[in-house]
Amino acid sequence: QVQVVESGGGLVQAGGSLRLSCAASGRTSSGYIMGWFRQAPGKEREFVAGIGWSDPRTDLADSVKGRFTISLDNAKSTVYLQMNSLKPEDTAVYYCAAGWRPFGLIRHGTSEYDYWGQGTQVTVSS
């Protein structure tokens, strides 16, 4: 079992920045991948960014490349999503998730992740 808890959401003006944190606990290990997803009202949950727990794999959705960065602090068992140049269309509930995938590319599908947090709201005003 892996538990993940998100924090850091809030209200920000367009062009601003936020950093989300995801604290992981439980049976985290080098075979896990950690993902950030988001879900806007009336839309499906979509992949934003992913990172390998103890390896160099990372991936970002095309819509956030150049603006968002994902990183991981193994000592703190925490994954970060640094969001810069925020746009109103980034408004959504952001979820952190963990999935077992010791090999291969970072997966974008929600079904690839077994453990989910409760989500944190990010609102970007125009």
C-alpha atoms as a PDB file:
ATOM      1  CA  GLN A   1       0.000   0.000   0.000  1.00  0.00           C
ATOM      2  CA  VAL A   2       1.090   3.519  -0.816  1.00  0.00           C
ATOM      3  CA  GLN A   3      -0.511   6.653   0.548  1.00  0.00           C
ATOM      4  CA  VAL A   4      -0.198  10.034  -1.140  1.00  0.00           C
ATOM      5  CA  VAL A   5      -1.350  13.412   0.115  1.00  0.00           C
ATOM      6  CA  GLU A   6      -1.349  16.546  -2.029  1.00  0.00           C
ATOM      7  CA  SER A   7      -0.944  20.133  -0.856  1.00  0.00           C
ATOM      8  CA  GLY A   8      -0.150  23.553  -2.240  1.00  0.00           C
ATOM      9  CA  GLY A   9      -3.181  24.392  -4.326  1.00  0.00           C
ATOM     10  CA  GLY A  10      -4.844  27.777  -4.285  1.00  0.00           C
ATOM     11  CA  LEU A  11      -5.965  30.816  -6.235  1.00  0.00           C
ATOM     12  CA  VAL A  12      -3.469  32.609  -8.461  1.00  0.00           C
ATOM     13  CA  GLN A  13      -3.642  35.163 -11.236  1.00  0.00           C
ATOM     14  CA  ALA A  14      -2.794  34.258 -14.805  1.00  0.00           C
ATOM     15  CA  GLY A  15       0.961  34.333 -15.306  1.00  0.00           C
ATOM     16  CA  GLY A  16       1.613  33.414 -11.709  1.00  0.00           C
ATOM     17  CA  SER A  17       3.200  30.343 -10.146  1.00  0.00           C
ATOM     18  CA  LEU A  18       2.311  27.616  -7.678  1.00  0.00           C
ATOM     19  CA  ARG A  19       4.154  24.593  -6.356  1.00  0.00           C
ATOM     20  CA  LEU A  20       2.210  21.483  -5.513  1.00  0.00           C
ATOM     21  CA  SER A  21       3.579  18.859  -3.160  1.00  0.00           C
ATOM     22  CA  CYS A  22       2.746  15.178  -2.889  1.00  0.00           C
ATOM     23  CA  ALA A  23       3.901  13.412   0.252  1.00  0.00           C
ATOM     24  CA  ALA A  24       4.159   9.653  -0.225  1.00  0.00           C
ATOM     25  CA  SER A  25       4.286   7.021   2.484  1.00  0.00           C
ATOM     26  CA  GLY A  26       4.001   3.273   2.766  1.00  0.00           C
ATOM     27  CA  ARG A  27       5.643   0.790   0.427  1.00  0.00           C
ATOM     28  CA  THR A  28       7.261   3.243  -1.929  1.00  0.00           C
ATOM     29  CA  SER A  29      10.246   1.807  -3.761  1.00  0.00           C
ATOM     30  CA  SER A  30      12.350   2.235  -6.861  1.00  0.00           C
ATOM     31  CA  GLY A  31       9.812   0.442  -9.049  1.00  0.00           C
ATOM     32  CA  TYR A  32       7.109   3.045  -8.643  1.00  0.00           C
ATOM     33  CA  ILE A  33       6.229   5.924 -10.886  1.00  0.00           C
ATOM     34  CA  MET A  34       4.572   9.030  -9.509  1.00  0.00           C
ATOM     35  CA  GLY A  35       2.142  11.004 -11.577  1.00  0.00           C
ATOM     36  CA  TRP A  36       0.271  14.278 -11.464  1.00  0.00           C
ATOM     37  CA  PHE A  37      -3.141  14.414 -13.093  1.00  0.00           C
ATOM     38  CA  ARG A  38      -5.810  17.083 -13.263  1.00  0.00           C
ATOM     39  CA  GLN A  39      -9.529  17.187 -13.776  1.00  0.00           C
ATOM     40  CA  ALA A  40     -11.490  20.268 -14.753  1.00  0.00           C
ATOM     41  CA  PRO A  41     -15.282  20.436 -14.329  1.00  0.00           C
ATOM     42  CA  GLY A  42     -17.020  18.408 -17.001  1.00  0.00           C
ATOM     43  CA  LYS A  43     -13.790  16.965 -18.344  1.00  0.00           C
ATOM     44  CA  GLU A  44     -11.940  13.702 -17.984  1.00  0.00           C
ATOM     45  CA  ARG A  45      -8.966  13.353 -15.718  1.00  0.00           C
ATOM     46  CA  GLU A  46      -5.799  13.948 -17.730  1.00  0.00           C
ATOM     47  CA  PHE A  47      -2.102  13.273 -17.291  1.00  0.00           C
ATOM     48  CA  VAL A  48       0.059  16.276 -16.456  1.00  0.00           C
ATOM     49  CA  ALA A  49       3.477  14.945 -15.422  1.00  0.00           C
ATOM     50  CA  GLY A  50       5.212  11.803 -14.213  1.00  0.00           C
ATOM     51  CA  ILE A  51       8.509  10.758 -12.670  1.00  0.00           C
ATOM     52  CA  GLY A  52      10.257   7.542 -11.697  1.00  0.00           C
ATOM     53  CA  TRP A  53      10.736   7.072  -7.968  1.00  0.00           C
ATOM     54  CA  SER A  54      14.469   6.357  -8.157  1.00  0.00           C
ATOM     55  CA  ASP A  55      15.350   6.680 -11.813  1.00  0.00           C
ATOM     56  CA  PRO A  56      15.650   9.465 -14.382  1.00  0.00           C
ATOM     57  CA  ARG A  57      12.343   8.833 -16.142  1.00  0.00           C
ATOM     58  CA  THR A  58      10.203  11.943 -16.461  1.00  0.00           C
ATOM     59  CA  ASP A  59       7.454  13.038 -18.801  1.00  0.00           C
ATOM     60  CA  LEU A  60       5.215  16.057 -19.234  1.00  0.00           C
ATOM     61  CA  ALA A  61       2.016  16.578 -21.160  1.00  0.00           C
ATOM     62  CA  ASP A  62       2.462  18.727 -24.252  1.00  0.00           C
ATOM     63  CA  SER A  63       0.088  21.326 -22.811  1.00  0.00           C
ATOM     64  CA  VAL A  64       2.421  22.066 -19.892  1.00  0.00           C
ATOM     65  CA  LYS A  65       5.878  21.600 -21.400  1.00  0.00           C
ATOM     66  CA  GLY A  66       8.012  24.664 -20.883  1.00  0.00           C
ATOM     67  CA  ARG A  67       5.815  25.821 -17.981  1.00  0.00           C
ATOM     68  CA  PHE A  68       5.635  22.954 -15.471  1.00  0.00           C
ATOM     69  CA  THR A  69       8.426  20.931 -13.910  1.00  0.00           C
ATOM     70  CA  ILE A  70       8.188  17.713 -11.917  1.00  0.00           C
ATOM     71  CA  SER A  71      10.794  16.718  -9.358  1.00  0.00           C
ATOM     72  CA  LEU A  72      11.224  14.281  -6.506  1.00  0.00           C
ATOM     73  CA  ASP A  73      12.999  14.538  -3.165  1.00  0.00           C
ATOM     74  CA  ASN A  74      13.693  10.959  -2.119  1.00  0.00           C
ATOM     75  CA  ALA A  75      14.859  11.996   1.342  1.00  0.00           C
ATOM     76  CA  LYS A  76      11.475  13.609   1.974  1.00  0.00           C
ATOM     77  CA  SER A  77       9.469  11.089  -0.077  1.00  0.00           C
ATOM     78  CA  THR A  78       7.844  14.061  -1.749  1.00  0.00           C
ATOM     79  CA  VAL A  79       7.053  14.814  -5.370  1.00  0.00           C
ATOM     80  CA  TYR A  80       6.738  18.411  -6.497  1.00  0.00           C
ATOM     81  CA  LEU A  81       4.967  20.009  -9.419  1.00  0.00           C
ATOM     82  CA  GLN A  82       6.289  23.495 -10.080  1.00  0.00           C
ATOM     83  CA  MET A  83       3.770  25.383 -12.200  1.00  0.00           C
ATOM     84  CA  ASN A  84       4.829  28.633 -13.849  1.00  0.00           C
ATOM     85  CA  SER A  85       3.115  30.927 -16.344  1.00  0.00           C
ATOM     86  CA  LEU A  86      -0.239  29.608 -15.248  1.00  0.00           C
ATOM     87  CA  LYS A  87      -3.228  30.043 -17.525  1.00  0.00           C
ATOM     88  CA  PRO A  88      -6.963  30.010 -16.749  1.00  0.00           C
ATOM     89  CA  GLU A  89      -7.201  26.695 -18.604  1.00  0.00           C
ATOM     90  CA  ASP A  90      -4.913  25.163 -15.964  1.00  0.00           C
ATOM     91  CA  THR A  91      -7.761  25.502 -13.477  1.00  0.00           C
ATOM     92  CA  ALA A  92      -8.605  22.041 -12.165  1.00  0.00           C
ATOM     93  CA  VAL A  93      -8.354  19.687  -9.244  1.00  0.00           C
ATOM     94  CA  TYR A  94      -4.840  18.264  -9.280  1.00  0.00           C
ATOM     95  CA  TYR A  95      -4.265  14.702  -8.145  1.00  0.00           C
ATOM     96  CA  CYS A  96      -1.114  12.830  -7.221  1.00  0.00           C
ATOM     97  CA  ALA A  97      -0.938   9.118  -7.964  1.00  0.00           C
ATOM     98  CA  ALA A  98       1.463   6.193  -7.627  1.00  0.00           C
ATOM     99  CA  GLY A  99       1.751   3.153  -9.836  1.00  0.00           C
ATOM    100  CA  TRP A 100       4.024   0.130 -10.043  1.00  0.00           C
ATOM    101  CA  ARG A 101       6.039   0.230 -13.239  1.00  0.00           C
ATOM    102  CA  PRO A 102       9.711  -0.716 -12.791  1.00  0.00           C
ATOM    103  CA  PHE A 103      10.452  -0.576 -16.534  1.00  0.00           C
ATOM    104  CA  GLY A 104       9.354   1.334 -19.584  1.00  0.00           C
ATOM    105  CA  LEU A 105       8.036   4.785 -20.223  1.00  0.00           C
ATOM    106  CA  ILE A 106       5.990   6.912 -17.859  1.00  0.00           C
ATOM    107  CA  ARG A 107       2.370   5.967 -18.499  1.00  0.00           C
ATOM    108  CA  HIS A 108      -0.350   8.543 -19.065  1.00  0.00           C
ATOM    109  CA  GLY A 109      -3.439   6.460 -18.404  1.00  0.00           C
ATOM    110  CA  THR A 110      -5.246   6.691 -15.099  1.00  0.00           C
ATOM    111  CA  SER A 111      -5.585   2.905 -15.031  1.00  0.00           C
ATOM    112  CA  GLU A 112      -1.802   2.605 -14.755  1.00  0.00           C
ATOM    113  CA  TYR A 113      -1.884   4.120 -11.276  1.00  0.00           C
ATOM    114  CA  ASP A 114      -3.162   2.289  -8.239  1.00  0.00           C
ATOM    115  CA  TYR A 115      -2.979   4.823  -5.439  1.00  0.00           C
ATOM    116  CA  TRP A 116      -4.520   8.274  -5.522  1.00  0.00           C
ATOM    117  CA  GLY A 117      -4.689  11.293  -3.285  1.00  0.00           C
ATOM    118  CA  GLN A 118      -7.765  13.380  -2.554  1.00  0.00           C
ATOM    119  CA  GLY A 119      -6.722  16.203  -4.844  1.00  0.00           C
ATOM    120  CA  THR A 120      -5.978  19.885  -4.401  1.00  0.00           C
ATOM    121  CA  GLN A 121      -7.796  22.710  -6.161  1.00  0.00           C
ATOM    122  CA  VAL A 122      -5.875  25.076  -8.422  1.00  0.00           C
ATOM    123  CA  THR A 123      -7.758  28.111  -9.703  1.00  0.00           C
ATOM    124  CA  VAL A 124      -6.193  30.543 -12.153  1.00  0.00           C
ATOM    125  CA  SER A 125      -8.008  33.823 -12.626  1.00  0.00           C
ATOM    126  CA  SER A 126      -7.772  35.865 -15.818  1.00  0.00           C
END
